[in-house]
Full PDB file with SEQRES, HELIX, SHEET, SSBOND, CRYST1, ORIGX, SCALE, CONECT and MASTER records, all heavy atoms in Angstrom:
SEQRES   1 A   38  MET ALA GLN ARG ARG LEU GLN ASP SER GLU GLY GLY LYS          
SEQRES   2 A   38  TRP GLU PHE PRO GLY GLY LYS VAL GLU TRP GLY GLU GLU          
SEQRES   3 A   38  PRO ARG GLN SER LEU TYR ARG GLU LEU GLN GLU GLU              
HELIX    1 AA1 PRO A   27  GLU A   37  1                                  11    
CRYST1    1.000    1.000    1.000  90.00  90.00  90.00 P 1           1          
ORIGX1      1.000000  0.000000  0.000000        0.00000                         
ORIGX2      0.000000  1.000000  0.000000        0.00000                         
ORIGX3      0.000000  0.000000  1.000000        0.00000                         
SCALE1      1.000000  0.000000  0.000000        0.00000                         
SCALE2      0.000000  1.000000  0.000000        0.00000                         
SCALE3      0.000000  0.000000  1.000000        0.00000                         
ATOM      1  N   MET A   1       0.855  -1.204   0.018  1.00  0.00           N  
ATOM      2  CA  MET A   1       0.021  -0.019   0.002  1.00  0.00           C  
ATOM      3  C   MET A   1       0.885   1.233   0.009  1.00  0.00           C  
ATOM      4  O   MET A   1       2.130   1.245   0.563  1.00  0.00           O  
ATOM      5  CB  MET A   1      -0.895   0.040   1.234  1.00  0.00           C  
ATOM      6  CG  MET A   1      -1.793  -1.164   1.471  1.00  0.00           C  
ATOM      7  SD  MET A   1      -3.186  -1.239   0.353  1.00  0.00           S  
ATOM      8  CE  MET A   1      -4.189   0.018   1.014  1.00  0.00           C  
ATOM      9  N   ALA A   2       0.377   2.255  -0.663  1.00  0.00           N  
ATOM     10  CA  ALA A   2       1.117   3.562  -0.579  1.00  0.00           C  
ATOM     11  C   ALA A   2       0.287   4.629   0.110  1.00  0.00           C  
ATOM     12  O   ALA A   2      -1.003   4.640   0.009  1.00  0.00           O  
ATOM     13  CB  ALA A   2       1.330   4.017  -2.017  1.00  0.00           C  
ATOM     14  N   GLN A   3       0.978   5.442   0.854  1.00  0.00           N  
ATOM     15  CA  GLN A   3       0.227   6.526   1.600  1.00  0.00           C  
ATOM     16  C   GLN A   3       0.305   7.815   0.726  1.00  0.00           C  
ATOM     17  O   GLN A   3       1.366   8.224   0.429  1.00  0.00           O  
ATOM     18  CB  GLN A   3       0.857   6.706   2.987  1.00  0.00           C  
ATOM     19  CG  GLN A   3       0.059   7.659   3.849  1.00  0.00           C  
ATOM     20  CD  GLN A   3       0.710   7.912   5.151  1.00  0.00           C  
ATOM     21  OE1 GLN A   3       1.986   7.919   5.195  1.00  0.00           O  
ATOM     22  NE2 GLN A   3      -0.056   8.095   6.197  1.00  0.00           N  
ATOM     23  N   ARG A   4      -0.882   8.442   0.610  1.00  0.00           N  
ATOM     24  CA  ARG A   4      -1.000   9.697  -0.139  1.00  0.00           C  
ATOM     25  C   ARG A   4      -0.222  10.793   0.557  1.00  0.00           C  
ATOM     26  O   ARG A   4      -0.247  10.775   1.741  1.00  0.00           O  
ATOM     27  CB  ARG A   4      -2.451  10.069  -0.295  1.00  0.00           C  
ATOM     28  CG  ARG A   4      -3.267   9.213  -1.290  1.00  0.00           C  
ATOM     29  CD  ARG A   4      -4.604   9.690  -1.455  1.00  0.00           C  
ATOM     30  NE  ARG A   4      -5.287   8.895  -2.485  1.00  0.00           N  
ATOM     31  CZ  ARG A   4      -6.376   9.268  -3.078  1.00  0.00           C  
ATOM     32  NH1 ARG A   4      -6.905  10.293  -2.855  1.00  0.00           N  
ATOM     33  NH2 ARG A   4      -6.966   8.397  -3.999  1.00  0.00           N  
ATOM     34  N   ARG A   5       0.379  11.645  -0.155  1.00  0.00           N  
ATOM     35  CA  ARG A   5       1.009  12.839   0.392  1.00  0.00           C  
ATOM     36  C   ARG A   5       0.016  13.639   1.165  1.00  0.00           C  
ATOM     37  O   ARG A   5      -1.129  13.727   0.763  1.00  0.00           O  
ATOM     38  CB  ARG A   5       1.657  13.729  -0.685  1.00  0.00           C  
ATOM     39  CG  ARG A   5       2.833  13.060  -1.392  1.00  0.00           C  
ATOM     40  CD  ARG A   5       3.456  14.005  -2.381  1.00  0.00           C  
ATOM     41  NE  ARG A   5       4.437  13.365  -3.278  1.00  0.00           N  
ATOM     42  CZ  ARG A   5       5.672  13.353  -2.901  1.00  0.00           C  
ATOM     43  NH1 ARG A   5       6.238  13.914  -1.795  1.00  0.00           N  
ATOM     44  NH2 ARG A   5       6.580  12.689  -3.647  1.00  0.00           N  
ATOM     45  N   LEU A   6       0.465  14.282   2.252  1.00  0.00           N  
ATOM     46  CA  LEU A   6      -0.484  14.999   3.083  1.00  0.00           C  
ATOM     47  C   LEU A   6      -1.188  16.075   2.442  1.00  0.00           C  
ATOM     48  O   LEU A   6      -2.349  16.335   2.712  1.00  0.00           O  
ATOM     49  CB  LEU A   6       0.146  15.458   4.385  1.00  0.00           C  
ATOM     50  CG  LEU A   6       0.773  14.365   5.250  1.00  0.00           C  
ATOM     51  CD1 LEU A   6       1.618  15.003   6.469  1.00  0.00           C  
ATOM     52  CD2 LEU A   6      -0.246  13.395   5.775  1.00  0.00           C  
ATOM     53  N   GLN A   7      -0.508  16.769   1.480  1.00  0.00           N  
ATOM     54  CA  GLN A   7      -1.094  17.943   0.803  1.00  0.00           C  
ATOM     55  C   GLN A   7      -2.047  17.474  -0.360  1.00  0.00           C  
ATOM     56  O   GLN A   7      -2.772  18.322  -0.892  1.00  0.00           O  
ATOM     57  CB  GLN A   7       0.017  18.836   0.294  1.00  0.00           C  
ATOM     58  CG  GLN A   7       0.890  18.277  -0.773  1.00  0.00           C  
ATOM     59  CD  GLN A   7       2.128  17.505  -0.308  1.00  0.00           C  
ATOM     60  OE1 GLN A   7       2.137  17.126   0.798  1.00  0.00           O  
ATOM     61  NE2 GLN A   7       3.063  17.421  -1.199  1.00  0.00           N  
ATOM     62  N   ASP A   8      -2.099  16.255  -0.691  1.00  0.00           N  
ATOM     63  CA  ASP A   8      -2.975  15.705  -1.764  1.00  0.00           C  
ATOM     64  C   ASP A   8      -4.392  15.482  -1.309  1.00  0.00           C  
ATOM     65  O   ASP A   8      -4.695  15.445  -0.098  1.00  0.00           O  
ATOM     66  CB  ASP A   8      -2.439  14.492  -2.328  1.00  0.00           C  
ATOM     67  CG  ASP A   8      -1.084  14.543  -3.081  1.00  0.00           C  
ATOM     68  OD1 ASP A   8      -0.810  15.802  -3.452  1.00  0.00           O  
ATOM     69  OD2 ASP A   8      -0.437  13.539  -3.328  1.00  0.00           O  
ATOM     70  N   SER A   9      -5.256  15.376  -2.258  1.00  0.00           N  
ATOM     71  CA  SER A   9      -6.685  15.072  -1.900  1.00  0.00           C  
ATOM     72  C   SER A   9      -6.662  13.684  -1.082  1.00  0.00           C  
ATOM     73  O   SER A   9      -5.970  12.761  -1.456  1.00  0.00           O  
ATOM     74  CB  SER A   9      -7.477  14.836  -3.267  1.00  0.00           C  
ATOM     75  OG  SER A   9      -8.628  14.189  -2.981  1.00  0.00           O  
ATOM     76  N   GLU A  10      -7.417  13.700  -0.045  1.00  0.00           N  
ATOM     77  CA  GLU A  10      -7.520  12.567   0.840  1.00  0.00           C  
ATOM     78  C   GLU A  10      -6.064  12.207   1.402  1.00  0.00           C  
ATOM     79  O   GLU A  10      -5.663  11.070   1.564  1.00  0.00           O  
ATOM     80  CB  GLU A  10      -8.142  11.324   0.184  1.00  0.00           C  
ATOM     81  CG  GLU A  10      -9.545  11.713  -0.289  1.00  0.00           C  
ATOM     82  CD  GLU A  10     -10.479  10.607  -0.299  1.00  0.00           C  
ATOM     83  OE1 GLU A  10     -10.597   9.933   0.726  1.00  0.00           O  
ATOM     84  OE2 GLU A  10     -11.286  10.462  -1.169  1.00  0.00           O  
ATOM     85  N   GLY A  11      -5.224  13.309   1.574  1.00  0.00           N  
ATOM     86  CA  GLY A  11      -3.879  13.114   2.216  1.00  0.00           C  
ATOM     87  C   GLY A  11      -3.812  12.263   3.321  1.00  0.00           C  
ATOM     88  O   GLY A  11      -4.600  12.260   4.259  1.00  0.00           O  
ATOM     89  N   GLY A  12      -2.794  11.455   3.410  1.00  0.00           N  
ATOM     90  CA  GLY A  12      -2.495  10.598   4.599  1.00  0.00           C  
ATOM     91  C   GLY A  12      -3.207   9.203   4.564  1.00  0.00           C  
ATOM     92  O   GLY A  12      -2.791   8.372   5.257  1.00  0.00           O  
ATOM     93  N   LYS A  13      -4.212   9.090   3.546  1.00  0.00           N  
ATOM     94  CA  LYS A  13      -4.879   7.823   3.496  1.00  0.00           C  
ATOM     95  C   LYS A  13      -3.979   6.847   2.732  1.00  0.00           C  
ATOM     96  O   LYS A  13      -3.114   7.217   1.923  1.00  0.00           O  
ATOM     97  CB  LYS A  13      -6.199   7.964   2.769  1.00  0.00           C  
ATOM     98  CG  LYS A  13      -7.124   8.758   3.660  1.00  0.00           C  
ATOM     99  CD  LYS A  13      -8.579   8.765   3.058  1.00  0.00           C  
ATOM    100  CE  LYS A  13      -9.535   9.435   3.937  1.00  0.00           C  
ATOM    101  NZ  LYS A  13     -10.919   9.509   3.379  1.00  0.00           N  
ATOM    102  N   TRP A  14      -4.237   5.518   3.031  1.00  0.00           N  
ATOM    103  CA  TRP A  14      -3.427   4.477   2.311  1.00  0.00           C  
ATOM    104  C   TRP A  14      -4.243   3.908   1.114  1.00  0.00           C  
ATOM    105  O   TRP A  14      -5.423   3.894   1.302  1.00  0.00           O  
ATOM    106  CB  TRP A  14      -3.158   3.343   3.319  1.00  0.00           C  
ATOM    107  CG  TRP A  14      -2.158   3.728   4.378  1.00  0.00           C  
ATOM    108  CD1 TRP A  14      -2.373   4.316   5.629  1.00  0.00           C  
ATOM    109  CD2 TRP A  14      -0.687   3.585   4.240  1.00  0.00           C  
ATOM    110  NE1 TRP A  14      -1.262   4.639   6.168  1.00  0.00           N  
ATOM    111  CE2 TRP A  14      -0.161   4.130   5.487  1.00  0.00           C  
ATOM    112  CE3 TRP A  14       0.155   3.029   3.300  1.00  0.00           C  
ATOM    113  CZ2 TRP A  14       1.209   4.196   5.623  1.00  0.00           C  
ATOM    114  CZ3 TRP A  14       1.422   3.011   3.569  1.00  0.00           C  
ATOM    115  CH2 TRP A  14       2.047   3.666   4.690  1.00  0.00           C  
ATOM    116  N   GLU A  15      -3.444   3.596   0.026  1.00  0.00           N  
ATOM    117  CA  GLU A  15      -4.302   3.141  -1.168  1.00  0.00           C  
ATOM    118  C   GLU A  15      -3.407   2.120  -1.827  1.00  0.00           C  
ATOM    119  O   GLU A  15      -2.268   1.976  -1.715  1.00  0.00           O  
ATOM    120  CB  GLU A  15      -4.570   4.375  -2.119  1.00  0.00           C  
ATOM    121  CG  GLU A  15      -3.220   5.026  -2.652  1.00  0.00           C  
ATOM    122  CD  GLU A  15      -3.468   6.216  -3.487  1.00  0.00           C  
ATOM    123  OE1 GLU A  15      -4.671   6.589  -3.766  1.00  0.00           O  
ATOM    124  OE2 GLU A  15      -2.548   6.864  -3.844  1.00  0.00           O  
ATOM    125  N   PHE A  16      -4.102   1.400  -2.766  1.00  0.00           N  
ATOM    126  CA  PHE A  16      -3.376   0.534  -3.667  1.00  0.00           C  
ATOM    127  C   PHE A  16      -2.690   1.454  -4.654  1.00  0.00           C  
ATOM    128  O   PHE A  16      -3.364   2.327  -5.227  1.00  0.00           O  
ATOM    129  CB  PHE A  16      -4.284  -0.518  -4.365  1.00  0.00           C  
ATOM    130  CG  PHE A  16      -4.840  -1.414  -3.305  1.00  0.00           C  
ATOM    131  CD1 PHE A  16      -6.134  -1.178  -2.658  1.00  0.00           C  
ATOM    132  CD2 PHE A  16      -4.195  -2.591  -3.020  1.00  0.00           C  
ATOM    133  CE1 PHE A  16      -6.630  -1.992  -1.794  1.00  0.00           C  
ATOM    134  CE2 PHE A  16      -4.627  -3.483  -1.996  1.00  0.00           C  
ATOM    135  CZ  PHE A  16      -5.802  -3.170  -1.426  1.00  0.00           C  
ATOM    136  N   PRO A  17      -1.360   1.306  -4.924  1.00  0.00           N  
ATOM    137  CA  PRO A  17      -0.602   2.287  -5.772  1.00  0.00           C  
ATOM    138  C   PRO A  17      -1.106   2.199  -7.189  1.00  0.00           C  
ATOM    139  O   PRO A  17      -1.556   1.217  -7.701  1.00  0.00           O  
ATOM    140  CB  PRO A  17       0.794   1.854  -5.611  1.00  0.00           C  
ATOM    141  CG  PRO A  17       0.720   0.379  -5.183  1.00  0.00           C  
ATOM    142  CD  PRO A  17      -0.556   0.181  -4.417  1.00  0.00           C  
ATOM    143  N   GLY A  18      -0.975   3.367  -7.813  1.00  0.00           N  
ATOM    144  CA  GLY A  18      -1.440   3.556  -9.293  1.00  0.00           C  
ATOM    145  C   GLY A  18      -1.744   5.000  -9.556  1.00  0.00           C  
ATOM    146  O   GLY A  18      -1.223   5.903  -8.887  1.00  0.00           O  
ATOM    147  N   GLY A  19      -2.511   5.227 -10.545  1.00  0.00           N  
ATOM    148  CA  GLY A  19      -2.807   6.677 -10.803  1.00  0.00           C  
ATOM    149  C   GLY A  19      -3.657   6.725 -12.164  1.00  0.00           C  
ATOM    150  O   GLY A  19      -4.125   5.793 -12.654  1.00  0.00           O  
ATOM    151  N   LYS A  20      -3.816   7.981 -12.587  1.00  0.00           N  
ATOM    152  CA  LYS A  20      -4.691   8.273 -13.688  1.00  0.00           C  
ATOM    153  C   LYS A  20      -4.071   7.707 -14.931  1.00  0.00           C  
ATOM    154  O   LYS A  20      -2.874   7.898 -15.317  1.00  0.00           O  
ATOM    155  CB  LYS A  20      -4.922   9.806 -13.780  1.00  0.00           C  
ATOM    156  CG  LYS A  20      -5.597  10.416 -12.650  1.00  0.00           C  
ATOM    157  CD  LYS A  20      -5.684  11.885 -12.734  1.00  0.00           C  
ATOM    158  CE  LYS A  20      -6.281  12.435 -11.514  1.00  0.00           C  
ATOM    159  NZ  LYS A  20      -6.077  13.920 -11.415  1.00  0.00           N  
ATOM    160  N   VAL A  21      -5.061   7.405 -15.837  1.00  0.00           N  
ATOM    161  CA  VAL A  21      -4.718   6.865 -17.218  1.00  0.00           C  
ATOM    162  C   VAL A  21      -4.694   8.214 -18.042  1.00  0.00           C  
ATOM    163  O   VAL A  21      -5.601   8.980 -18.067  1.00  0.00           O  
ATOM    164  CB  VAL A  21      -5.759   5.951 -17.761  1.00  0.00           C  
ATOM    165  CG1 VAL A  21      -5.375   5.659 -19.161  1.00  0.00           C  
ATOM    166  CG2 VAL A  21      -5.702   4.688 -16.897  1.00  0.00           C  
ATOM    167  N   GLU A  22      -3.528   8.509 -18.738  1.00  0.00           N  
ATOM    168  CA  GLU A  22      -3.363   9.616 -19.527  1.00  0.00           C  
ATOM    169  C   GLU A  22      -4.154   9.409 -20.878  1.00  0.00           C  
ATOM    170  O   GLU A  22      -4.353   8.277 -21.315  1.00  0.00           O  
ATOM    171  CB  GLU A  22      -1.930   9.959 -19.800  1.00  0.00           C  
ATOM    172  CG  GLU A  22      -1.124  10.189 -18.614  1.00  0.00           C  
ATOM    173  CD  GLU A  22      -1.488  11.453 -17.830  1.00  0.00           C  
ATOM    174  OE1 GLU A  22      -2.025  12.403 -18.517  1.00  0.00           O  
ATOM    175  OE2 GLU A  22      -1.274  11.549 -16.654  1.00  0.00           O  
ATOM    176  N   TRP A  23      -4.534  10.565 -21.526  1.00  0.00           N  
ATOM    177  CA  TRP A  23      -5.221  10.419 -22.793  1.00  0.00           C  
ATOM    178  C   TRP A  23      -4.440   9.544 -23.827  1.00  0.00           C  
ATOM    179  O   TRP A  23      -3.274   9.744 -23.998  1.00  0.00           O  
ATOM    180  CB  TRP A  23      -5.432  11.842 -23.361  1.00  0.00           C  
ATOM    181  CG  TRP A  23      -6.102  11.867 -24.734  1.00  0.00           C  
ATOM    182  CD1 TRP A  23      -5.540  12.014 -25.876  1.00  0.00           C  
ATOM    183  CD2 TRP A  23      -7.475  11.561 -25.051  1.00  0.00           C  
ATOM    184  NE1 TRP A  23      -6.468  11.991 -26.928  1.00  0.00           N  
ATOM    185  CE2 TRP A  23      -7.706  11.662 -26.288  1.00  0.00           C  
ATOM    186  CE3 TRP A  23      -8.535  11.273 -24.125  1.00  0.00           C  
ATOM    187  CZ2 TRP A  23      -8.940  11.387 -26.889  1.00  0.00           C  
ATOM    188  CZ3 TRP A  23      -9.769  11.027 -24.663  1.00  0.00           C  
ATOM    189  CH2 TRP A  23      -9.957  11.135 -26.095  1.00  0.00           C  
ATOM    190  N   GLY A  24      -5.175   8.596 -24.424  1.00  0.00           N  
ATOM    191  CA  GLY A  24      -4.535   7.746 -25.410  1.00  0.00           C  
ATOM    192  C   GLY A  24      -3.768   6.574 -24.836  1.00  0.00           C  
ATOM    193  O   GLY A  24      -3.142   5.764 -25.593  1.00  0.00           O  
ATOM    194  N   GLU A  25      -3.540   6.461 -23.452  1.00  0.00           N  
ATOM    195  CA  GLU A  25      -2.788   5.438 -22.806  1.00  0.00           C  
ATOM    196  C   GLU A  25      -3.634   4.260 -22.613  1.00  0.00           C  
ATOM    197  O   GLU A  25      -4.768   4.346 -22.180  1.00  0.00           O  
ATOM    198  CB  GLU A  25      -2.258   6.109 -21.604  1.00  0.00           C  
ATOM    199  CG  GLU A  25      -1.168   5.283 -20.927  1.00  0.00           C  
ATOM    200  CD  GLU A  25      -0.435   6.119 -19.824  1.00  0.00           C  
ATOM    201  OE1 GLU A  25      -1.224   6.704 -19.030  1.00  0.00           O  
ATOM    202  OE2 GLU A  25       0.700   5.978 -19.563  1.00  0.00           O  
ATOM    203  N   GLU A  26      -3.101   3.075 -22.764  1.00  0.00           N  
ATOM    204  CA  GLU A  26      -3.856   1.738 -22.470  1.00  0.00           C  
ATOM    205  C   GLU A  26      -3.718   1.672 -20.931  1.00  0.00           C  
ATOM    206  O   GLU A  26      -2.639   1.973 -20.288  1.00  0.00           O  
ATOM    207  CB  GLU A  26      -3.049   0.651 -23.192  1.00  0.00           C  
ATOM    208  CG  GLU A  26      -3.822  -0.679 -23.250  1.00  0.00           C  
ATOM    209  CD  GLU A  26      -3.672  -1.527 -22.019  1.00  0.00           C  
ATOM    210  OE1 GLU A  26      -2.511  -1.489 -21.495  1.00  0.00           O  
ATOM    211  OE2 GLU A  26      -4.568  -2.159 -21.572  1.00  0.00           O  
ATOM    212  N   PRO A  27      -4.719   1.158 -20.142  1.00  0.00           N  
ATOM    213  CA  PRO A  27      -4.651   1.165 -18.784  1.00  0.00           C  
ATOM    214  C   PRO A  27      -3.423   0.336 -18.178  1.00  0.00           C  
ATOM    215  O   PRO A  27      -2.848   0.805 -17.204  1.00  0.00           O  
ATOM    216  CB  PRO A  27      -6.044   0.424 -18.373  1.00  0.00           C  
ATOM    217  CG  PRO A  27      -6.894   0.925 -19.480  1.00  0.00           C  
ATOM    218  CD  PRO A  27      -6.032   0.884 -20.684  1.00  0.00           C  
ATOM    219  N   ARG A  28      -3.144  -0.800 -18.727  1.00  0.00           N  
ATOM    220  CA  ARG A  28      -1.949  -1.616 -18.177  1.00  0.00           C  
ATOM    221  C   ARG A  28      -0.731  -0.840 -18.351  1.00  0.00           C  
ATOM    222  O   ARG A  28       0.227  -0.819 -17.526  1.00  0.00           O  
ATOM    223  CB  ARG A  28      -1.925  -2.991 -18.858  1.00  0.00           C  
ATOM    224  CG  ARG A  28      -2.908  -3.979 -18.311  1.00  0.00           C  
ATOM    225  CD  ARG A  28      -2.790  -5.347 -19.028  1.00  0.00           C  
ATOM    226  NE  ARG A  28      -3.613  -6.278 -18.341  1.00  0.00           N  
ATOM    227  CZ  ARG A  28      -4.874  -6.476 -18.625  1.00  0.00           C  
ATOM    228  NH1 ARG A  28      -5.486  -5.698 -19.584  1.00  0.00           N  
ATOM    229  NH2 ARG A  28      -5.585  -7.380 -17.950  1.00  0.00           N  
ATOM    230  N   GLN A  29      -0.529  -0.133 -19.489  1.00  0.00           N  
ATOM    231  CA  GLN A  29       0.663   0.651 -19.845  1.00  0.00           C  
ATOM    232  C   GLN A  29       0.688   1.800 -18.779  1.00  0.00           C  
ATOM    233  O   GLN A  29       1.748   2.147 -18.146  1.00  0.00           O  
ATOM    234  CB  GLN A  29       0.561   1.293 -21.203  1.00  0.00           C  
ATOM    235  CG  GLN A  29       1.645   2.170 -21.599  1.00  0.00           C  
ATOM    236  CD  GLN A  29       1.374   2.787 -22.965  1.00  0.00           C  
ATOM    237  OE1 GLN A  29       0.158   3.065 -23.309  1.00  0.00           O  
ATOM    238  NE2 GLN A  29       2.418   2.940 -23.785  1.00  0.00           N  
ATOM    239  N   SER A  30      -0.460   2.403 -18.451  1.00  0.00           N  
ATOM    240  CA  SER A  30      -0.578   3.502 -17.476  1.00  0.00           C  
ATOM    241  C   SER A  30      -0.118   2.985 -16.083  1.00  0.00           C  
ATOM    242  O   SER A  30       0.643   3.727 -15.423  1.00  0.00           O  
ATOM    243  CB  SER A  30      -2.002   3.937 -17.396  1.00  0.00           C  
ATOM    244  OG  SER A  30      -2.114   4.911 -16.345  1.00  0.00           O  
ATOM    245  N   LEU A  31      -0.543   1.807 -15.654  1.00  0.00           N  
ATOM    246  CA  LEU A  31      -0.196   1.325 -14.403  1.00  0.00           C  
ATOM    247  C   LEU A  31       1.216   1.046 -14.283  1.00  0.00           C  
ATOM    248  O   LEU A  31       1.937   1.394 -13.213  1.00  0.00           O  
ATOM    249  CB  LEU A  31      -1.021   0.111 -14.050  1.00  0.00           C  
ATOM    250  CG  LEU A  31      -0.861  -0.481 -12.691  1.00  0.00           C  
ATOM    251  CD1 LEU A  31      -1.095   0.643 -11.593  1.00  0.00           C  
ATOM    252  CD2 LEU A  31      -1.863  -1.681 -12.398  1.00  0.00           C  
ATOM    253  N   TYR A  32       1.834   0.467 -15.371  1.00  0.00           N  
ATOM    254  CA  TYR A  32       3.247   0.141 -15.433  1.00  0.00           C  
ATOM    255  C   TYR A  32       4.051   1.514 -15.221  1.00  0.00           C  
ATOM    256  O   TYR A  32       5.001   1.528 -14.349  1.00  0.00           O  
ATOM    257  CB  TYR A  32       3.657  -0.439 -16.769  1.00  0.00           C  
ATOM    258  CG  TYR A  32       5.070  -0.765 -16.872  1.00  0.00           C  
ATOM    259  CD1 TYR A  32       5.528  -2.047 -16.404  1.00  0.00           C  
ATOM    260  CD2 TYR A  32       6.002   0.023 -17.478  1.00  0.00           C  
ATOM    261  CE1 TYR A  32       6.863  -2.410 -16.563  1.00  0.00           C  
ATOM    262  CE2 TYR A  32       7.339  -0.334 -17.550  1.00  0.00           C  
ATOM    263  CZ  TYR A  32       7.823  -1.503 -17.057  1.00  0.00           C  
ATOM    264  OH  TYR A  32       9.151  -1.913 -17.226  1.00  0.00           O  
ATOM    265  N   ARG A  33       3.615   2.540 -15.934  1.00  0.00           N  
ATOM    266  CA  ARG A  33       4.326   3.823 -15.757  1.00  0.00           C  
ATOM    267  C   ARG A  33       4.127   4.452 -14.425  1.00  0.00           C  
ATOM    268  O   ARG A  33       5.081   4.891 -13.681  1.00  0.00           O  
ATOM    269  CB  ARG A  33       3.700   4.830 -16.761  1.00  0.00           C  
ATOM    270  CG  ARG A  33       4.242   6.231 -16.721  1.00  0.00           C  
ATOM    271  CD  ARG A  33       3.559   7.197 -17.679  1.00  0.00           C  
ATOM    272  NE  ARG A  33       1.992   7.221 -17.476  1.00  0.00           N  
ATOM    273  CZ  ARG A  33       1.313   7.699 -16.516  1.00  0.00           C  
ATOM    274  NH1 ARG A  33       1.877   8.348 -15.571  1.00  0.00           N  
ATOM    275  NH2 ARG A  33       0.022   7.751 -16.557  1.00  0.00           N  
ATOM    276  N   GLU A  34       2.865   4.293 -13.797  1.00  0.00           N  
ATOM    277  CA  GLU A  34       2.595   4.916 -12.519  1.00  0.00           C  
ATOM    278  C   GLU A  34       3.455   4.165 -11.374  1.00  0.00           C  
ATOM    279  O   GLU A  34       3.965   4.836 -10.431  1.00  0.00           O  
ATOM    280  CB  GLU A  34       1.179   4.810 -12.245  1.00  0.00           C  
ATOM    281  CG  GLU A  34       0.277   5.834 -12.941  1.00  0.00           C  
ATOM    282  CD  GLU A  34       0.324   7.221 -12.382  1.00  0.00           C  
ATOM    283  OE1 GLU A  34       0.965   7.432 -11.334  1.00  0.00           O  
ATOM    284  OE2 GLU A  34      -0.199   8.104 -13.136  1.00  0.00           O  
ATOM    285  N   LEU A  35       3.655   2.884 -11.485  1.00  0.00           N  
ATOM    286  CA  LEU A  35       4.444   2.214 -10.538  1.00  0.00           C  
ATOM    287  C   LEU A  35       5.786   2.536 -10.577  1.00  0.00           C  
ATOM    288  O   LEU A  35       6.513   2.581  -9.537  1.00  0.00           O  
ATOM    289  CB  LEU A  35       4.249   0.646 -10.672  1.00  0.00           C  
ATOM    290  CG  LEU A  35       2.808   0.142 -10.334  1.00  0.00           C  
ATOM    291  CD1 LEU A  35       2.732  -1.345 -10.714  1.00  0.00           C  
ATOM    292  CD2 LEU A  35       2.396   0.343  -8.900  1.00  0.00           C  
ATOM    293  N   GLN A  36       6.432   2.785 -11.761  1.00  0.00           N  
ATOM    294  CA  GLN A  36       7.722   3.340 -11.812  1.00  0.00           C  
ATOM    295  C   GLN A  36       7.918   4.660 -11.194  1.00  0.00           C  
ATOM    296  O   GLN A  36       8.843   5.031 -10.495  1.00  0.00           O  
ATOM    297  CB  GLN A  36       8.211   3.365 -13.383  1.00  0.00           C  
ATOM    298  CG  GLN A  36       8.503   2.015 -13.880  1.00  0.00           C  
ATOM    299  CD  GLN A  36       9.111   2.157 -15.293  1.00  0.00           C  
ATOM    300  OE1 GLN A  36       8.418   2.699 -16.197  1.00  0.00           O  
ATOM    301  NE2 GLN A  36      10.316   1.640 -15.455  1.00  0.00           N  
ATOM    302  N   GLU A  37       6.923   5.612 -11.571  1.00  0.00           N  
ATOM    303  CA  GLU A  37       6.997   7.054 -11.028  1.00  0.00           C  
ATOM    304  C   GLU A  37       6.709   7.042  -9.482  1.00  0.00           C  
ATOM    305  O   GLU A  37       7.384   7.839  -8.861  1.00  0.00           O  
ATOM    306  CB  GLU A  37       5.947   7.892 -11.798  1.00  0.00           C  
ATOM    307  CG  GLU A  37       6.228   8.049 -13.274  1.00  0.00           C  
ATOM    308  CD  GLU A  37       5.078   8.773 -13.978  1.00  0.00           C  
ATOM    309  OE1 GLU A  37       4.069   9.146 -13.389  1.00  0.00           O  
ATOM    310  OE2 GLU A  37       5.270   9.087 -15.228  1.00  0.00           O  
ATOM    311  N   GLU A  38       5.735   6.312  -9.000  1.00  0.00           N  
ATOM    312  CA  GLU A  38       5.325   6.421  -7.707  1.00  0.00           C  
ATOM    313  C   GLU A  38       6.246   5.636  -6.732  1.00  0.00           C  
ATOM    314  O   GLU A  38       6.467   5.995  -5.631  1.00  0.00           O  
ATOM    315  CB  GLU A  38       3.852   5.957  -7.546  1.00  0.00           C  
ATOM    316  CG  GLU A  38       3.195   6.221  -6.251  1.00  0.00           C  
ATOM    317  CD  GLU A  38       1.779   5.829  -6.160  1.00  0.00           C  
ATOM    318  OE1 GLU A  38       1.132   6.055  -7.229  1.00  0.00           O  
ATOM    319  OE2 GLU A  38       1.281   5.597  -5.211  1.00  0.00           O  
TER     320      GLU A  38                                                      
MASTER        0    0    0    1    0    0    0    6  319    1    0    3          
END                                                                             
């Protein structure tokens, strides 16, 4: 689990890591990218 930054929306809460799918991006490709970035 990843904890959201305190200044982010719902800051401090724990979540399954990931993020938003960018325009034109395939969801699996997006998750692969997000896991590298996060």
